[in-house]
Amino acid sequence: MGKLTATGVKAALNKPGRYGDGEGLFLVVGKGGAASWVVRVQKSGRRRDIGLGSASKVSLSLARTRATEARSQIEVGIDPVAQRRKAAGIPTFREAASLVHTEHKRSWRNGKHQAQWLRTLEVYAFPSIGDVPVSEIDGPAVRDLLAEIWLDKPETARRVRQRVGAVLDWAYSKGHRADEAPMRSLSKGLPRQPKKNGHHAAMPFADVPAFMARLRERETFGRLALEAAILTAARSGEIRGARWSELNLDKGLWTIPADRMKAGREHVVPLSPAAKRVFQSAFDLRTEGARFVFQGAQPAKPLSDMTLMKVLRDMGEKVTAHGFRSSFRDWVSEETQFQGDLAEAALAHVIENKVEAAYRRGNLLEKRRTLMDAWGDYCEGRGSKIVRLASG
């Protein structure tokens, strides 16, 4: 027989406190007048309180029934909270993240991003909120998980914040949350991150010819790939993923399909004589059936994303492969009379001005060929007399 009565419950609602009914069932009344039913259970030495609902909606009789059911479920190893959540169709953060990843990964061209998106949540979010229903995740919970890495790993922390927000916004759009992600006010609860310039470490263009001579002292796929990246001013991912089917060495053209370009548009790279020699060297080294120009340890796979960085570190350089694009751009600006828009086209940069982009629809291929030939000569230490080219 319980200790509480219906009349006693009604009277207790005006007095904040914790009122026991027996067998672990409690009526908890807050200072603001909110009251709820809780049953305390214990299994394998672990004690926990399980909510049974608001006292305004759940009667004493129903609370006792729910408490009995919860104790029975715990006894046979069933989590009553998880069972209720499952019945309501509300996923945990872990489950929601998996669904969001599955829905969106097809739109991400970068395979590395596909893997990293979920991995960052597994490492930095799942330990604290992975098993929490998305309906119950609030700002403080997100703030606390970010605080652990906010200063030590600022870039990673910002990615985690964005991805947690994406999952919670998805949950809101699916009706699993009453409001959108509580991300906008988080910056007020976190310290200011140190500022960085965000640029990739680049080699001064004046040092590039001497570096290229050192790079050619040995011939490996990694070194050839780095040399090709420098001579074409391409991104490292574009180089590592280059396939023989994209190349026409007779015409001196490398056509990168849209699905491998950052801007999502096909990009044709005119190959200088120096660049063609690099691709020919890779052809001479290739194994039968290799699809990738710069193959990895296995012929069916490209070089890993760390290969070019390892080449640089082994040579004692602290610059990045991506930084050579800046070296190329600085060389164009400071040492030549080529127009800036030609360099931007060579770098496959998106033209922000839509009017200008519509006006300049041509790919400037032949003018870019002259530019890349001059860059190839410069990198090989020959230099060349640069003529002024008209923009257009």
Protein backbone atom coordinates (compact mmCIF):
# COMPACT_ATOMS: atom_id res chain seq x y z
CA MET A 1 0.00 0.00 0.00
CA GLY A 2 1.44 3.37 -1.01
CA LYS A 3 1.99 6.19 1.43
CA LEU A 4 0.50 8.91 -0.76
CA THR A 5 -3.17 9.59 -1.43
CA ALA A 6 -4.85 11.54 -4.22
CA THR A 7 -5.72 14.25 -1.69
CA GLY A 8 -2.17 14.28 -0.34
CA VAL A 9 -0.77 14.67 -3.85
CA LYS A 10 -3.02 17.64 -4.52
CA ALA A 11 -1.92 19.31 -1.28
CA ALA A 12 1.78 18.60 -1.95
CA LEU A 13 1.67 20.49 -5.24
CA ASN A 14 1.77 23.75 -3.26
CA LYS A 15 4.90 22.79 -1.29
CA PRO A 16 8.22 22.23 -3.10
CA GLY A 17 9.89 19.01 -2.05
CA ARG A 18 10.26 15.28 -2.66
CA TYR A 19 7.43 13.04 -1.46
CA GLY A 20 7.87 9.28 -1.31
CA ASP A 21 5.11 6.78 -2.02
CA GLY A 22 7.20 3.69 -1.39
CA GLU A 23 9.11 1.19 -3.56
CA GLY A 24 11.14 4.01 -5.10
CA LEU A 25 8.23 6.12 -6.37
CA PHE A 26 8.48 9.87 -5.65
CA LEU A 27 6.49 12.98 -6.38
CA VAL A 28 8.99 15.80 -7.03
CA VAL A 29 7.67 19.36 -6.72
CA GLY A 30 9.89 22.20 -7.91
CA LYS A 31 10.07 25.73 -6.52
CA GLY A 32 8.22 27.04 -9.55
CA GLY A 33 5.32 24.67 -8.91
CA ALA A 34 6.14 22.13 -11.63
CA ALA A 35 5.66 18.58 -10.36
CA SER A 36 6.60 15.22 -11.84
CA TRP A 37 6.73 11.53 -10.98
CA VAL A 38 10.07 9.75 -10.63
CA VAL A 39 10.89 6.14 -9.80
CA ARG A 40 14.29 5.29 -8.35
CA VAL A 41 15.65 1.92 -9.48
CA GLN A 42 18.88 0.04 -8.88
CA LYS A 43 20.56 -2.67 -10.94
CA SER A 44 24.05 -4.13 -10.56
CA GLY A 45 24.95 -1.50 -7.99
CA ARG A 46 23.94 1.38 -10.26
CA ARG A 47 21.15 3.69 -9.14
CA ARG A 48 19.14 5.92 -11.44
CA ASP A 49 15.97 8.01 -11.43
CA ILE A 50 13.49 7.49 -14.25
CA GLY A 51 10.88 10.09 -15.05
CA LEU A 52 7.29 8.88 -15.34
CA GLY A 53 5.60 12.06 -16.48
CA SER A 54 4.11 15.32 -15.21
CA ALA A 55 1.87 15.13 -12.13
CA SER A 56 -0.62 17.35 -13.95
CA LYS A 57 -1.14 14.63 -16.57
CA VAL A 58 -0.28 11.42 -14.72
CA SER A 59 -2.43 10.38 -11.77
CA LEU A 60 -1.12 8.65 -8.65
CA SER A 61 -2.62 5.38 -9.82
CA LEU A 62 -1.01 5.61 -13.26
CA ALA A 63 2.32 6.63 -11.73
CA ARG A 64 2.27 3.47 -9.59
CA THR A 65 1.52 1.35 -12.66
CA ARG A 66 4.35 2.95 -14.64
CA ALA A 67 6.74 2.56 -11.71
CA THR A 68 5.94 -1.17 -11.50
CA GLU A 69 6.51 -1.56 -15.26
CA ALA A 70 9.83 0.30 -15.09
CA ARG A 71 11.09 -1.85 -12.20
CA SER A 72 10.11 -5.00 -14.08
CA GLN A 73 11.87 -3.87 -17.25
CA ILE A 74 15.04 -2.96 -15.37
CA GLU A 75 15.02 -6.35 -13.67
CA VAL A 76 15.10 -8.20 -17.01
CA GLY A 77 17.69 -5.85 -18.55
CA ILE A 78 15.40 -3.55 -20.55
CA ASP A 79 15.97 0.22 -20.44
CA PRO A 80 12.49 1.75 -19.99
CA VAL A 81 13.65 5.18 -21.16
CA ALA A 82 15.03 3.75 -24.39
CA GLN A 83 11.83 1.78 -24.88
CA ARG A 84 9.67 4.90 -24.53
CA ARG A 85 11.89 6.84 -26.87
CA LYS A 86 11.74 4.05 -29.43
CA ALA A 87 7.97 3.95 -29.18
CA ALA A 88 7.82 7.70 -29.73
CA GLY A 89 10.14 7.45 -32.75
CA ILE A 90 12.65 10.00 -31.42
CA PRO A 91 16.22 9.03 -32.36
CA THR A 92 19.30 9.51 -30.25
CA PHE A 93 21.91 11.98 -31.46
CA ARG A 94 24.03 9.04 -32.65
CA GLU A 95 21.14 7.63 -34.68
CA ALA A 96 20.21 11.03 -36.10
CA ALA A 97 23.83 11.76 -37.09
CA SER A 98 23.98 8.49 -39.01
CA LEU A 99 20.78 9.35 -40.87
CA VAL A 100 22.00 12.87 -41.72
CA HIS A 101 25.32 11.47 -42.95
CA THR A 102 23.56 8.93 -45.15
CA GLU A 103 21.24 11.55 -46.65
CA HIS A 104 23.94 14.12 -47.41
CA LYS A 105 27.10 12.19 -48.27
CA ARG A 106 26.04 11.70 -51.89
CA SER A 107 26.17 15.47 -52.39
CA TRP A 108 29.75 15.68 -51.03
CA ARG A 109 32.28 15.24 -53.84
CA ASN A 110 35.20 14.86 -51.44
CA GLY A 111 35.42 11.28 -50.15
CA LYS A 112 37.70 12.39 -47.33
CA HIS A 113 35.03 14.83 -46.14
CA GLN A 114 32.43 12.05 -46.17
CA ALA A 115 34.53 9.99 -43.77
CA GLN A 116 35.64 12.88 -41.57
CA TRP A 117 32.13 14.29 -41.13
CA LEU A 118 30.94 11.34 -39.08
CA ARG A 119 34.32 10.60 -37.52
CA THR A 120 34.56 14.01 -35.83
CA LEU A 121 31.18 13.44 -34.20
CA GLU A 122 32.17 9.93 -33.10
CA VAL A 123 35.26 11.28 -31.37
CA TYR A 124 34.06 14.59 -29.93
CA ALA A 125 30.25 14.47 -29.64
CA PHE A 126 29.08 10.88 -29.20
CA PRO A 127 30.85 10.32 -25.82
CA SER A 128 28.72 13.02 -24.18
CA ILE A 129 25.49 13.28 -26.21
CA GLY A 130 25.53 10.24 -28.50
CA ASP A 131 22.89 8.34 -26.55
CA VAL A 132 20.76 11.38 -25.66
CA PRO A 133 17.48 11.82 -27.57
CA VAL A 134 17.77 14.74 -29.98
CA SER A 135 14.70 16.25 -28.32
CA GLU A 136 16.59 16.64 -25.04
CA ILE A 137 19.88 18.15 -26.22
CA ASP A 138 20.19 21.74 -25.09
CA GLY A 139 22.73 24.54 -25.46
CA PRO A 140 24.69 23.82 -22.26
CA ALA A 141 25.27 20.20 -23.32
CA VAL A 142 26.70 21.29 -26.66
CA ARG A 143 28.71 24.06 -25.04
CA ASP A 144 30.32 21.64 -22.58
CA LEU A 145 31.48 19.19 -25.25
CA LEU A 146 32.92 22.03 -27.33
CA ALA A 147 34.69 23.63 -24.37
CA GLU A 148 37.06 20.66 -24.09
CA ILE A 149 38.59 21.34 -27.53
CA TRP A 150 37.62 24.96 -28.21
CA LEU A 151 41.10 26.43 -27.58
CA ASP A 152 43.33 23.40 -28.14
CA LYS A 153 41.75 22.40 -31.46
CA PRO A 154 39.92 25.50 -32.68
CA GLU A 155 39.39 24.43 -36.29
CA THR A 156 38.15 20.98 -35.26
CA ALA A 157 35.89 22.54 -32.64
CA ARG A 158 34.27 24.79 -35.23
CA ARG A 159 33.63 21.79 -37.47
CA VAL A 160 32.09 19.86 -34.57
CA ARG A 161 29.86 22.84 -33.76
CA GLN A 162 28.68 23.07 -37.36
CA ARG A 163 28.01 19.33 -37.62
CA VAL A 164 26.19 19.09 -34.30
CA GLY A 165 24.05 22.01 -35.44
CA ALA A 166 23.30 20.27 -38.74
CA VAL A 167 22.08 17.16 -36.93
CA LEU A 168 19.88 19.11 -34.52
CA ASP A 169 18.42 21.25 -37.32
CA TRP A 170 17.63 18.06 -39.21
CA ALA A 171 15.88 16.73 -36.11
CA TYR A 172 13.85 19.94 -35.88
CA SER A 173 12.82 19.68 -39.53
CA LYS A 174 11.70 16.07 -38.91
CA GLY A 175 9.57 17.08 -35.92
CA HIS A 176 11.84 15.45 -33.33
CA ARG A 177 12.65 18.75 -31.60
CA ALA A 178 10.52 21.68 -30.51
CA ASP A 179 13.11 24.22 -31.69
CA GLU A 180 16.15 24.61 -33.92
CA ALA A 181 19.72 23.95 -32.87
CA PRO A 182 20.80 26.15 -29.93
CA MET A 183 24.05 27.10 -31.69
CA ARG A 184 23.75 30.84 -32.16
CA SER A 185 24.27 31.79 -28.53
CA LEU A 186 27.14 29.37 -27.90
CA SER A 187 29.85 31.89 -28.75
CA LYS A 188 28.88 33.91 -25.66
CA GLY A 189 29.56 30.93 -23.44
CA LEU A 190 32.93 30.04 -24.97
CA PRO A 191 36.26 31.91 -24.83
CA ARG A 192 37.52 33.77 -27.87
CA GLN A 193 39.66 31.58 -30.08
CA PRO A 194 43.14 32.75 -31.14
CA LYS A 195 43.14 34.28 -34.60
CA LYS A 196 45.05 32.70 -37.47
CA ASN A 197 45.54 34.07 -40.95
CA GLY A 198 44.14 30.89 -42.48
CA HIS A 199 46.69 30.79 -45.30
CA HIS A 200 48.55 27.67 -46.36
CA ALA A 201 52.30 27.92 -45.76
CA ALA A 202 53.79 28.84 -49.13
CA MET A 203 57.29 28.87 -50.56
CA PRO A 204 58.50 32.23 -51.93
CA PHE A 205 58.37 31.94 -55.70
CA ALA A 206 62.06 32.91 -55.92
CA ASP A 207 62.96 29.65 -54.13
CA VAL A 208 60.85 27.40 -56.35
CA PRO A 209 63.42 26.73 -59.16
CA ALA A 210 66.09 25.55 -56.68
CA PHE A 211 63.51 23.44 -54.86
CA MET A 212 62.41 21.82 -58.13
CA ALA A 213 66.00 20.86 -58.90
CA ARG A 214 66.24 19.13 -55.51
CA LEU A 215 62.88 17.47 -56.03
CA ARG A 216 64.09 15.84 -59.25
CA GLU A 217 67.11 14.23 -57.57
CA ARG A 218 64.95 11.15 -56.96
CA GLU A 219 62.04 9.78 -58.94
CA THR A 220 59.07 8.40 -57.01
CA PHE A 221 55.33 8.68 -57.57
CA GLY A 222 55.12 11.03 -54.60
CA ARG A 223 57.80 13.37 -55.98
CA LEU A 224 56.37 13.25 -59.48
CA ALA A 225 52.92 14.08 -58.12
CA LEU A 226 54.26 17.08 -56.20
CA GLU A 227 56.18 18.29 -59.27
CA ALA A 228 53.04 17.95 -61.38
CA ALA A 229 51.00 19.87 -58.79
CA ILE A 230 53.52 22.72 -58.87
CA LEU A 231 53.77 22.88 -62.67
CA THR A 232 49.99 22.77 -63.20
CA ALA A 233 49.09 24.94 -60.16
CA ALA A 234 46.47 22.28 -59.36
CA ARG A 235 45.16 21.28 -55.97
CA SER A 236 46.79 18.22 -54.43
CA GLY A 237 43.52 16.27 -54.46
CA GLU A 238 43.10 16.94 -58.18
CA ILE A 239 46.61 15.68 -58.85
CA ARG A 240 46.36 12.60 -56.65
CA GLY A 241 43.08 11.64 -58.29
CA ALA A 242 44.31 12.21 -61.86
CA ARG A 243 43.41 9.32 -64.18
CA TRP A 244 45.02 8.36 -67.46
CA SER A 245 41.62 8.71 -69.13
CA GLU A 246 41.72 12.46 -68.36
CA LEU A 247 45.02 13.06 -70.18
CA ASN A 248 45.82 13.79 -73.80
CA LEU A 249 49.58 14.15 -73.89
CA ASP A 250 49.63 14.59 -77.67
CA LYS A 251 47.54 17.75 -77.36
CA GLY A 252 49.06 18.69 -74.00
CA LEU A 253 45.74 18.78 -72.17
CA TRP A 254 44.50 17.46 -68.85
CA THR A 255 40.71 17.59 -68.52
CA ILE A 256 39.51 17.31 -64.91
CA PRO A 257 35.82 16.35 -64.73
CA ALA A 258 33.37 18.49 -62.76
CA ASP A 259 32.83 15.91 -60.03
CA ARG A 260 36.49 16.19 -59.02
CA MET A 261 36.65 19.98 -58.99
CA LYS A 262 36.00 22.14 -55.94
CA ALA A 263 33.74 24.45 -57.94
CA GLY A 264 31.89 21.54 -59.54
CA ARG A 265 32.86 22.59 -63.08
CA GLU A 266 35.08 20.85 -65.63
CA HIS A 267 38.56 22.36 -65.77
CA VAL A 268 40.97 21.97 -68.68
CA VAL A 269 44.66 22.36 -67.81
CA PRO A 270 47.11 23.15 -70.63
CA LEU A 271 50.30 21.18 -69.99
CA SER A 272 53.63 22.90 -70.42
CA PRO A 273 56.53 20.89 -71.87
CA ALA A 274 57.86 20.53 -68.31
CA ALA A 275 54.52 19.18 -67.07
CA LYS A 276 54.24 16.78 -70.02
CA ARG A 277 57.64 15.32 -69.13
CA VAL A 278 56.42 14.64 -65.59
CA PHE A 279 53.32 12.83 -66.81
CA GLN A 280 55.43 10.87 -69.28
CA SER A 281 57.72 9.79 -66.44
CA ALA A 282 54.69 8.61 -64.48
CA PHE A 283 53.55 6.68 -67.57
CA ASP A 284 56.93 4.96 -67.78
CA LEU A 285 56.64 3.89 -64.12
CA ARG A 286 53.04 2.73 -64.17
CA THR A 287 52.02 -0.87 -63.64
CA GLU A 288 49.64 -2.71 -65.93
CA GLY A 289 46.00 -1.87 -65.36
CA ALA A 290 46.69 1.24 -63.26
CA ARG A 291 43.91 3.82 -63.58
CA PHE A 292 45.57 6.57 -61.55
CA VAL A 293 48.49 8.54 -62.93
CA PHE A 294 50.19 8.71 -59.55
CA GLN A 295 49.26 5.35 -58.12
CA GLY A 296 49.53 4.43 -54.46
CA ALA A 297 50.96 1.31 -52.86
CA GLN A 298 48.17 -0.58 -54.59
CA PRO A 299 47.82 0.09 -58.35
CA ALA A 300 44.03 0.36 -58.02
CA LYS A 301 44.30 3.21 -55.52
CA PRO A 302 45.74 6.75 -55.73
CA LEU A 303 48.39 8.20 -53.45
CA SER A 304 47.24 8.95 -49.91
CA ASP A 305 46.55 12.55 -48.92
CA MET A 306 49.67 12.57 -46.71
CA THR A 307 52.14 11.56 -49.42
CA LEU A 308 52.91 15.03 -50.74
CA MET A 309 53.28 16.40 -47.24
CA LYS A 310 55.71 13.59 -46.39
CA VAL A 311 57.81 14.42 -49.45
CA LEU A 312 58.06 18.02 -48.28
CA ARG A 313 58.91 17.07 -44.69
CA ASP A 314 61.54 14.56 -45.83
CA MET A 315 63.13 17.40 -47.80
CA GLY A 316 63.14 19.60 -44.69
CA GLU A 317 60.45 21.99 -45.96
CA LYS A 318 57.71 23.42 -43.73
CA VAL A 319 55.50 24.62 -46.59
CA THR A 320 52.39 22.82 -47.86
CA ALA A 321 51.67 21.41 -51.30
CA HIS A 322 48.66 23.72 -51.57
CA GLY A 323 50.93 26.68 -50.83
CA PHE A 324 52.61 26.37 -54.23
CA ARG A 325 49.38 27.71 -55.76
CA SER A 326 50.13 30.91 -53.83
CA SER A 327 53.73 30.81 -55.07
CA PHE A 328 52.40 30.66 -58.63
CA ARG A 329 49.93 33.50 -58.04
CA ASP A 330 52.59 35.72 -56.47
CA TRP A 331 54.95 35.02 -59.39
CA VAL A 332 52.29 36.09 -61.87
CA SER A 333 51.60 39.32 -59.97
CA GLU A 334 55.15 40.34 -59.18
CA GLU A 335 57.29 38.99 -62.01
CA THR A 336 55.12 38.96 -65.12
CA GLN A 337 52.78 41.13 -67.13
CA PHE A 338 50.07 38.47 -67.41
CA GLN A 339 46.63 39.68 -66.39
CA GLY A 340 45.29 38.64 -62.98
CA ASP A 341 42.13 37.11 -64.43
CA LEU A 342 44.33 34.72 -66.43
CA ALA A 343 46.00 33.52 -63.23
CA GLU A 344 42.61 33.11 -61.54
CA ALA A 345 41.41 31.03 -64.48
CA ALA A 346 44.55 28.87 -64.26
CA LEU A 347 43.81 28.31 -60.56
CA ALA A 348 40.19 27.39 -61.38
CA HIS A 349 38.92 30.03 -58.98
CA VAL A 350 35.25 30.92 -59.10
CA ILE A 351 34.54 34.45 -60.32
CA GLU A 352 32.51 36.09 -57.57
CA ASN A 353 31.14 38.84 -59.82
CA LYS A 354 28.30 37.13 -61.71
CA VAL A 355 28.18 39.81 -64.40
CA GLU A 356 31.89 39.41 -65.07
CA ALA A 357 31.58 35.62 -64.99
CA ALA A 358 28.79 35.73 -67.59
CA TYR A 359 30.83 38.07 -69.79
CA ARG A 360 33.98 35.96 -69.59
CA ARG A 361 32.65 32.51 -70.42
CA GLY A 362 35.66 31.40 -72.45
CA ASN A 363 38.24 29.25 -70.72
CA LEU A 364 41.13 31.39 -72.08
CA LEU A 365 42.81 28.12 -72.99
CA GLU A 366 45.46 29.33 -75.41
CA LYS A 367 46.37 32.31 -73.26
CA ARG A 368 46.61 30.01 -70.27
CA ARG A 369 48.86 27.72 -72.28
CA THR A 370 51.29 30.60 -72.81
CA LEU A 371 51.12 31.38 -69.09
CA MET A 372 51.74 27.79 -67.99
CA ASP A 373 54.63 27.40 -70.48
CA ALA A 374 56.25 30.48 -68.93
CA TRP A 375 55.68 29.11 -65.41
CA GLY A 376 57.22 25.78 -66.46
CA ASP A 377 60.28 27.55 -67.85
CA TYR A 378 60.60 29.56 -64.63
CA CYS A 379 60.34 26.45 -62.43
CA GLU A 380 63.08 24.78 -64.48
CA GLY A 381 65.35 27.77 -63.98
CA ARG A 382 65.27 28.93 -67.59
CA GLY A 383 63.01 31.94 -67.21
CA SER A 384 61.42 33.55 -70.21
CA LYS A 385 60.63 36.96 -71.56
CA ILE A 386 57.02 37.64 -70.67
CA VAL A 387 54.88 39.56 -73.11
CA ARG A 388 51.83 41.53 -72.05
CA LEU A 389 48.59 39.77 -72.85
CA ALA A 390 45.29 41.52 -73.24
CA SER A 391 42.62 40.52 -70.76
CA GLY A 392 39.39 39.04 -71.97
